[in-house]
Amino acid sequence: MTSAEYLIESNHPLAGRLLALGGGRQVLVGDRGLAISLAAKNFVPGSGQEIRVIHVPTGEIVFRKEEASSEAFSEDL
């Protein structure tokens, strides 16, 4: 196992008090739970952001959060 098995990536710069990044869009984390927690805490509703956590050795997306489009809501009505 490597020290950084999970990649958090976003289509917007990651910023927040939990991540000390200078506007980067990716960060490597060694723990699955921590990676998912950081991704969830750094999601910004209403921004059109997509954020996900990828298990680097397998390429599996283990967490994904994206802004729901307004069209999806209007189809349900």
PDB file of N, CA and C in Angstrom:
ATOM      1  N   MET A   1       0.832  -1.190   0.000  1.00  0.00           N
ATOM      2  CA  MET A   1       0.000   0.000   0.000  1.00  0.00           C
ATOM      3  C   MET A   1       0.871   1.247   0.000  1.00  0.00           C
ATOM      4  N   THR A   2       0.456   2.202  -0.777  1.00  0.00           N
ATOM      5  CA  THR A   2       1.172   3.472  -0.803  1.00  0.00           C
ATOM      6  C   THR A   2       0.624   4.384   0.281  1.00  0.00           C
ATOM      7  N   SER A   3       1.308   5.476   0.521  1.00  0.00           N
ATOM      8  CA  SER A   3       0.864   6.400   1.559  1.00  0.00           C
ATOM      9  C   SER A   3      -0.301   7.270   1.104  1.00  0.00           C
ATOM     10  N   ALA A   4      -0.554   7.336  -0.186  1.00  0.00           N
ATOM     11  CA  ALA A   4      -1.655   8.157  -0.705  1.00  0.00           C
ATOM     12  C   ALA A   4      -2.432   7.346  -1.730  1.00  0.00           C
ATOM     13  N   GLU A   5      -3.447   6.639  -1.260  1.00  0.00           N
ATOM     14  CA  GLU A   5      -4.208   5.759  -2.138  1.00  0.00           C
ATOM     15  C   GLU A   5      -5.478   6.380  -2.691  1.00  0.00           C
ATOM     16  N   TYR A   6      -5.905   7.508  -2.170  1.00  0.00           N
ATOM     17  CA  TYR A   6      -7.168   8.107  -2.592  1.00  0.00           C
ATOM     18  C   TYR A   6      -6.928   9.513  -3.123  1.00  0.00           C
ATOM     19  N   LEU A   7      -7.520   9.788  -4.250  1.00  0.00           N
ATOM     20  CA  LEU A   7      -7.383  11.083  -4.903  1.00  0.00           C
ATOM     21  C   LEU A   7      -8.713  11.813  -4.824  1.00  0.00           C
ATOM     22  N   ILE A   8      -8.698  13.006  -4.256  1.00  0.00           N
ATOM     23  CA  ILE A   8      -9.873  13.879  -4.270  1.00  0.00           C
ATOM     24  C   ILE A   8      -9.670  14.821  -5.442  1.00  0.00           C
ATOM     25  N   GLU A   9     -10.652  14.882  -6.339  1.00  0.00           N
ATOM     26  CA  GLU A   9     -10.536  15.818  -7.456  1.00  0.00           C
ATOM     27  C   GLU A   9     -11.861  16.523  -7.671  1.00  0.00           C
ATOM     28  N   SER A  10     -11.769  17.730  -8.207  1.00  0.00           N
ATOM     29  CA  SER A  10     -12.936  18.578  -8.400  1.00  0.00           C
ATOM     30  C   SER A  10     -12.777  19.389  -9.676  1.00  0.00           C
ATOM     31  N   ASN A  11     -13.910  19.799 -10.239  1.00  0.00           N
ATOM     32  CA  ASN A  11     -13.857  20.671 -11.413  1.00  0.00           C
ATOM     33  C   ASN A  11     -13.689  22.141 -11.010  1.00  0.00           C
ATOM     34  N   HIS A  12     -13.716  22.427  -9.711  1.00  0.00           N
ATOM     35  CA  HIS A  12     -13.448  23.764  -9.172  1.00  0.00           C
ATOM     36  C   HIS A  12     -12.281  23.659  -8.197  1.00  0.00           C
ATOM     37  N   PRO A  13     -11.570  24.738  -7.964  1.00  0.00           N
ATOM     38  CA  PRO A  13     -10.469  24.686  -6.997  1.00  0.00           C
ATOM     39  C   PRO A  13     -10.965  24.256  -5.612  1.00  0.00           C
ATOM     40  N   LEU A  14     -10.206  23.379  -4.984  1.00  0.00           N
ATOM     41  CA  LEU A  14     -10.521  22.937  -3.631  1.00  0.00           C
ATOM     42  C   LEU A  14      -9.971  23.962  -2.653  1.00  0.00           C
ATOM     43  N   ALA A  15     -10.808  24.426  -1.772  1.00  0.00           N
ATOM     44  CA  ALA A  15     -10.381  25.408  -0.785  1.00  0.00           C
ATOM     45  C   ALA A  15     -11.230  25.235   0.457  1.00  0.00           C
ATOM     46  N   GLY A  16     -10.657  25.508   1.559  1.00  0.00           N
ATOM     47  CA  GLY A  16     -11.386  25.406   2.807  1.00  0.00           C
ATOM     48  C   GLY A  16     -10.412  25.290   3.957  1.00  0.00           C
ATOM     49  N   ARG A  17     -10.924  25.404   5.133  1.00  0.00           N
ATOM     50  CA  ARG A  17     -10.041  25.372   6.295  1.00  0.00           C
ATOM     51  C   ARG A  17      -9.481  23.981   6.557  1.00  0.00           C
ATOM     52  N   LEU A  18     -10.127  22.940   6.013  1.00  0.00           N
ATOM     53  CA  LEU A  18      -9.639  21.579   6.223  1.00  0.00           C
ATOM     54  C   LEU A  18      -8.564  21.174   5.223  1.00  0.00           C
ATOM     55  N   LEU A  19      -8.488  21.862   4.103  1.00  0.00           N
ATOM     56  CA  LEU A  19      -7.479  21.574   3.086  1.00  0.00           C
ATOM     57  C   LEU A  19      -6.613  22.805   2.886  1.00  0.00           C
ATOM     58  N   ALA A  20      -5.346  22.660   3.123  1.00  0.00           N
ATOM     59  CA  ALA A  20      -4.417  23.779   2.948  1.00  0.00           C
ATOM     60  C   ALA A  20      -3.856  23.737   1.530  1.00  0.00           C
ATOM     61  N   LEU A  21      -4.694  24.076   0.562  1.00  0.00           N
ATOM     62  CA  LEU A  21      -4.288  24.076  -0.841  1.00  0.00           C
ATOM     63  C   LEU A  21      -4.340  25.493  -1.377  1.00  0.00           C
ATOM     64  N   GLY A  22      -3.502  25.762  -2.314  1.00  0.00           N
ATOM     65  CA  GLY A  22      -3.500  27.071  -2.958  1.00  0.00           C
ATOM     66  C   GLY A  22      -4.361  27.074  -4.205  1.00  0.00           C
ATOM     67  N   GLY A  23      -5.598  26.626  -4.099  1.00  0.00           N
ATOM     68  CA  GLY A  23      -6.493  26.628  -5.249  1.00  0.00           C
ATOM     69  C   GLY A  23      -6.325  25.430  -6.163  1.00  0.00           C
ATOM     70  N   GLY A  24      -5.704  24.357  -5.669  1.00  0.00           N
ATOM     71  CA  GLY A  24      -5.538  23.152  -6.471  1.00  0.00           C
ATOM     72  C   GLY A  24      -6.856  22.420  -6.676  1.00  0.00           C
ATOM     73  N   ARG A  25      -6.883  21.544  -7.650  1.00  0.00           N
ATOM     74  CA  ARG A  25      -8.093  20.778  -7.947  1.00  0.00           C
ATOM     75  C   ARG A  25      -7.969  19.309  -7.574  1.00  0.00           C
ATOM     76  N   GLN A  26      -6.812  18.908  -7.050  1.00  0.00           N
ATOM     77  CA  GLN A  26      -6.592  17.524  -6.654  1.00  0.00           C
ATOM     78  C   GLN A  26      -5.780  17.476  -5.368  1.00  0.00           C
ATOM     79  N   VAL A  27      -6.058  16.445  -4.564  1.00  0.00           N
ATOM     80  CA  VAL A  27      -5.257  16.198  -3.368  1.00  0.00           C
ATOM     81  C   VAL A  27      -5.243  14.692  -3.119  1.00  0.00           C
ATOM     82  N   LEU A  28      -4.093  14.172  -2.722  1.00  0.00           N
ATOM     83  CA  LEU A  28      -3.949  12.758  -2.402  1.00  0.00           C
ATOM     84  C   LEU A  28      -4.073  12.563  -0.898  1.00  0.00           C
ATOM     85  N   VAL A  29      -4.811  11.512  -0.501  1.00  0.00           N
ATOM     86  CA  VAL A  29      -5.060  11.214   0.905  1.00  0.00           C
ATOM     87  C   VAL A  29      -4.835   9.718   1.123  1.00  0.00           C
ATOM     88  N   GLY A  30      -4.322   9.341   2.278  1.00  0.00           N
ATOM     89  CA  GLY A  30      -4.011   7.949   2.553  1.00  0.00           C
ATOM     90  C   GLY A  30      -5.146   7.128   3.124  1.00  0.00           C
ATOM     91  N   ASP A  31      -6.223   7.759   3.578  1.00  0.00           N
ATOM     92  CA  ASP A  31      -7.313   7.046   4.238  1.00  0.00           C
ATOM     93  C   ASP A  31      -8.634   7.289   3.514  1.00  0.00           C
ATOM     94  N   ARG A  32      -9.378   6.216   3.254  1.00  0.00           N
ATOM     95  CA  ARG A  32     -10.640   6.324   2.514  1.00  0.00           C
ATOM     96  C   ARG A  32     -11.657   7.203   3.239  1.00  0.00           C
ATOM     97  N   GLY A  33     -11.862   6.955   4.518  1.00  0.00           N
ATOM     98  CA  GLY A  33     -12.837   7.730   5.283  1.00  0.00           C
ATOM     99  C   GLY A  33     -12.493   9.209   5.334  1.00  0.00           C
ATOM    100  N   LEU A  34     -11.223   9.493   5.528  1.00  0.00           N
ATOM    101  CA  LEU A  34     -10.779  10.886   5.559  1.00  0.00           C
ATOM    102  C   LEU A  34     -10.977  11.548   4.201  1.00  0.00           C
ATOM    103  N   ALA A  35     -10.649  10.836   3.142  1.00  0.00           N
ATOM    104  CA  ALA A  35     -10.807  11.393   1.793  1.00  0.00           C
ATOM    105  C   ALA A  35     -12.266  11.724   1.505  1.00  0.00           C
ATOM    106  N   ILE A  36     -13.165  10.815   1.856  1.00  0.00           N
ATOM    107  CA  ILE A  36     -14.595  11.050   1.618  1.00  0.00           C
ATOM    108  C   ILE A  36     -15.104  12.203   2.473  1.00  0.00           C
ATOM    109  N   SER A  37     -14.688  12.245   3.733  1.00  0.00           N
ATOM    110  CA  SER A  37     -15.106  13.343   4.618  1.00  0.00           C
ATOM    111  C   SER A  37     -14.633  14.693   4.105  1.00  0.00           C
ATOM    112  N   LEU A  38     -13.374  14.764   3.693  1.00  0.00           N
ATOM    113  CA  LEU A  38     -12.840  16.020   3.161  1.00  0.00           C
ATOM    114  C   LEU A  38     -13.564  16.438   1.888  1.00  0.00           C
ATOM    115  N   ALA A  39     -13.846  15.477   1.026  1.00  0.00           N
ATOM    116  CA  ALA A  39     -14.559  15.792  -0.214  1.00  0.00           C
ATOM    117  C   ALA A  39     -15.956  16.325   0.089  1.00  0.00           C
ATOM    118  N   ALA A  40     -16.658  15.663   0.996  1.00  0.00           N
ATOM    119  CA  ALA A  40     -18.015  16.095   1.344  1.00  0.00           C
ATOM    120  C   ALA A  40     -18.013  17.485   1.971  1.00  0.00           C
ATOM    121  N   LYS A  41     -17.038  17.765   2.821  1.00  0.00           N
ATOM    122  CA  LYS A  41     -16.960  19.071   3.483  1.00  0.00           C
ATOM    123  C   LYS A  41     -16.551  20.191   2.529  1.00  0.00           C
ATOM    124  N   ASN A  42     -15.885  19.851   1.442  1.00  0.00           N
ATOM    125  CA  ASN A  42     -15.424  20.869   0.497  1.00  0.00           C
ATOM    126  C   ASN A  42     -16.370  21.066  -0.672  1.00  0.00           C
ATOM    127  N   PHE A  43     -17.509  20.364  -0.686  1.00  0.00           N
ATOM    128  CA  PHE A  43     -18.500  20.545  -1.745  1.00  0.00           C
ATOM    129  C   PHE A  43     -19.254  21.845  -1.500  1.00  0.00           C
ATOM    130  N   VAL A  44     -19.397  22.653  -2.552  1.00  0.00           N
ATOM    131  CA  VAL A  44     -20.074  23.944  -2.439  1.00  0.00           C
ATOM    132  C   VAL A  44     -21.387  23.883  -3.216  1.00  0.00           C
ATOM    133  N   PRO A  45     -22.536  23.798  -2.520  1.00  0.00           N
ATOM    134  CA  PRO A  45     -23.823  23.765  -3.218  1.00  0.00           C
ATOM    135  C   PRO A  45     -24.061  25.051  -4.004  1.00  0.00           C
ATOM    136  N   GLY A  46     -24.703  24.924  -5.136  1.00  0.00           N
ATOM    137  CA  GLY A  46     -25.041  26.081  -5.953  1.00  0.00           C
ATOM    138  C   GLY A  46     -23.920  26.591  -6.828  1.00  0.00           C
ATOM    139  N   SER A  47     -22.820  25.873  -6.888  1.00  0.00           N
ATOM    140  CA  SER A  47     -21.674  26.353  -7.657  1.00  0.00           C
ATOM    141  C   SER A  47     -21.453  25.581  -8.954  1.00  0.00           C
ATOM    142  N   GLY A  48     -22.230  24.523  -9.175  1.00  0.00           N
ATOM    143  CA  GLY A  48     -22.013  23.683 -10.349  1.00  0.00           C
ATOM    144  C   GLY A  48     -20.832  22.750 -10.175  1.00  0.00           C
ATOM    145  N   GLN A  49     -20.408  22.583  -8.941  1.00  0.00           N
ATOM    146  CA  GLN A  49     -19.220  21.789  -8.649  1.00  0.00           C
ATOM    147  C   GLN A  49     -19.506  20.295  -8.719  1.00  0.00           C
ATOM    148  N   GLU A  50     -18.509  19.546  -9.152  1.00  0.00           N
ATOM    149  CA  GLU A  50     -18.496  18.091  -9.025  1.00  0.00           C
ATOM    150  C   GLU A  50     -17.219  17.732  -8.286  1.00  0.00           C
ATOM    151  N   ILE A  51     -17.347  16.879  -7.298  1.00  0.00           N
ATOM    152  CA  ILE A  51     -16.186  16.443  -6.525  1.00  0.00           C
ATOM    153  C   ILE A  51     -16.275  14.936  -6.374  1.00  0.00           C
ATOM    154  N   ARG A  52     -15.130  14.267  -6.439  1.00  0.00           N
ATOM    155  CA  ARG A  52     -15.140  12.814  -6.308  1.00  0.00           C
ATOM    156  C   ARG A  52     -13.852  12.325  -5.667  1.00  0.00           C
ATOM    157  N   VAL A  53     -13.953  11.108  -5.118  1.00  0.00           N
ATOM    158  CA  VAL A  53     -12.810  10.435  -4.510  1.00  0.00           C
ATOM    159  C   VAL A  53     -12.559   9.169  -5.307  1.00  0.00           C
ATOM    160  N   ILE A  54     -11.323   8.990  -5.732  1.00  0.00           N
ATOM    161  CA  ILE A  54     -10.951   7.853  -6.563  1.00  0.00           C
ATOM    162  C   ILE A  54      -9.916   7.013  -5.822  1.00  0.00           C
ATOM    163  N   HIS A  55     -10.145   5.692  -5.796  1.00  0.00           N
ATOM    164  CA  HIS A  55      -9.144   4.767  -5.261  1.00  0.00           C
ATOM    165  C   HIS A  55      -8.093   4.606  -6.343  1.00  0.00           C
ATOM    166  N   VAL A  56      -6.908   5.150  -6.124  1.00  0.00           N
ATOM    167  CA  VAL A  56      -5.876   5.253  -7.161  1.00  0.00           C
ATOM    168  C   VAL A  56      -5.453   3.895  -7.731  1.00  0.00           C
ATOM    169  N   PRO A  57      -5.175   2.870  -6.904  1.00  0.00           N
ATOM    170  CA  PRO A  57      -4.708   1.607  -7.485  1.00  0.00           C
ATOM    171  C   PRO A  57      -5.700   0.947  -8.444  1.00  0.00           C
ATOM    172  N   THR A  58      -7.011   1.099  -8.184  1.00  0.00           N
ATOM    173  CA  THR A  58      -8.014   0.435  -9.025  1.00  0.00           C
ATOM    174  C   THR A  58      -8.725   1.383  -9.979  1.00  0.00           C
ATOM    175  N   GLY A  59      -8.689   2.679  -9.710  1.00  0.00           N
ATOM    176  CA  GLY A  59      -9.413   3.648 -10.525  1.00  0.00           C
ATOM    177  C   GLY A  59     -10.892   3.740 -10.188  1.00  0.00           C
ATOM    178  N   GLU A  60     -11.325   3.027  -9.151  1.00  0.00           N
ATOM    179  CA  GLU A  60     -12.735   3.020  -8.753  1.00  0.00           C
ATOM    180  C   GLU A  60     -13.112   4.346  -8.095  1.00  0.00           C
ATOM    181  N   ILE A  61     -14.246   4.901  -8.511  1.00  0.00           N
ATOM    182  CA  ILE A  61     -14.780   6.099  -7.862  1.00  0.00           C
ATOM    183  C   ILE A  61     -15.542   5.628  -6.630  1.00  0.00           C
ATOM    184  N   VAL A  62     -15.059   5.991  -5.450  1.00  0.00           N
ATOM    185  CA  VAL A  62     -15.675   5.528  -4.210  1.00  0.00           C
ATOM    186  C   VAL A  62     -16.648   6.556  -3.631  1.00  0.00           C
ATOM    187  N   PHE A  63     -16.590   7.798  -4.109  1.00  0.00           N
ATOM    188  CA  PHE A  63     -17.515   8.847  -3.673  1.00  0.00           C
ATOM    189  C   PHE A  63     -17.624   9.863  -4.788  1.00  0.00           C
ATOM    190  N   ARG A  64     -18.856  10.320  -5.032  1.00  0.00           N
ATOM    191  CA  ARG A  64     -19.070  11.354  -6.051  1.00  0.00           C
ATOM    192  C   ARG A  64     -20.251  12.216  -5.634  1.00  0.00           C
ATOM    193  N   LYS A  65     -20.069  13.502  -5.739  1.00  0.00           N
ATOM    194  CA  LYS A  65     -21.134  14.457  -5.424  1.00  0.00           C
ATOM    195  C   LYS A  65     -21.125  15.513  -6.507  1.00  0.00           C
ATOM    196  N   GLU A  66     -22.292  15.770  -7.081  1.00  0.00           N
ATOM    197  CA  GLU A  66     -22.395  16.810  -8.096  1.00  0.00           C
ATOM    198  C   GLU A  66     -23.687  17.572  -7.904  1.00  0.00           C
ATOM    199  N   GLU A  67     -23.693  18.762  -8.427  1.00  0.00           N
ATOM    200  CA  GLU A  67     -24.863  19.623  -8.349  1.00  0.00           C
ATOM    201  C   GLU A  67     -25.958  19.042  -9.230  1.00  0.00           C
ATOM    202  N   ALA A  68     -27.141  18.864  -8.680  1.00  0.00           N
ATOM    203  CA  ALA A  68     -28.271  18.382  -9.471  1.00  0.00           C
ATOM    204  C   ALA A  68     -28.745  19.504 -10.382  1.00  0.00           C
ATOM    205  N   SER A  69     -29.034  19.164 -11.616  1.00  0.00           N
ATOM    206  CA  SER A  69     -29.501  20.192 -12.550  1.00  0.00           C
ATOM    207  C   SER A  69     -30.955  20.520 -12.265  1.00  0.00           C
ATOM    208  N   SER A  70     -31.358  21.726 -12.584  1.00  0.00           N
ATOM    209  CA  SER A  70     -32.740  22.137 -12.364  1.00  0.00           C
ATOM    210  C   SER A  70     -33.686  21.384 -13.284  1.00  0.00           C
ATOM    211  N   GLU A  71     -33.185  20.898 -14.429  1.00  0.00           N
ATOM    212  CA  GLU A  71     -34.016  20.122 -15.345  1.00  0.00           C
ATOM    213  C   GLU A  71     -34.465  18.818 -14.708  1.00  0.00           C
ATOM    214  N   ALA A  72     -33.604  18.200 -13.927  1.00  0.00           N
ATOM    215  CA  ALA A  72     -33.952  16.942 -13.275  1.00  0.00           C
ATOM    216  C   ALA A  72     -35.105  17.154 -12.302  1.00  0.00           C
ATOM    217  N   PHE A  73     -35.125  18.298 -11.624  1.00  0.00           N
ATOM    218  CA  PHE A  73     -36.208  18.577 -10.702  1.00  0.00           C
ATOM    219  C   PHE A  73     -37.502  18.888 -11.446  1.00  0.00           C
ATOM    220  N   SER A  74     -37.441  19.595 -12.547  1.00  0.00           N
ATOM    221  CA  SER A  74     -38.657  19.965 -13.267  1.00  0.00           C
ATOM    222  C   SER A  74     -39.309  18.755 -13.926  1.00  0.00           C
ATOM    223  N   GLU A  75     -38.526  17.729 -14.290  1.00  0.00           N
ATOM    224  CA  GLU A  75     -39.096  16.527 -14.886  1.00  0.00           C
ATOM    225  C   GLU A  75     -39.921  15.745 -13.878  1.00  0.00           C
ATOM    226  N   ASP A  76     -39.576  15.842 -12.600  1.00  0.00           N
ATOM    227  CA  ASP A  76     -40.288  15.104 -11.570  1.00  0.00           C
ATOM    228  C   ASP A  76     -41.629  15.744 -11.224  1.00  0.00           C
ATOM    229  N   LEU A  77     -41.822  16.990 -11.564  1.00  0.00           N
ATOM    230  CA  LEU A  77     -43.064  17.689 -11.204  1.00  0.00           C
ATOM    231  C   LEU A  77     -44.191  17.407 -12.143  1.00  0.00           C
TER     232      LEU A  77
END
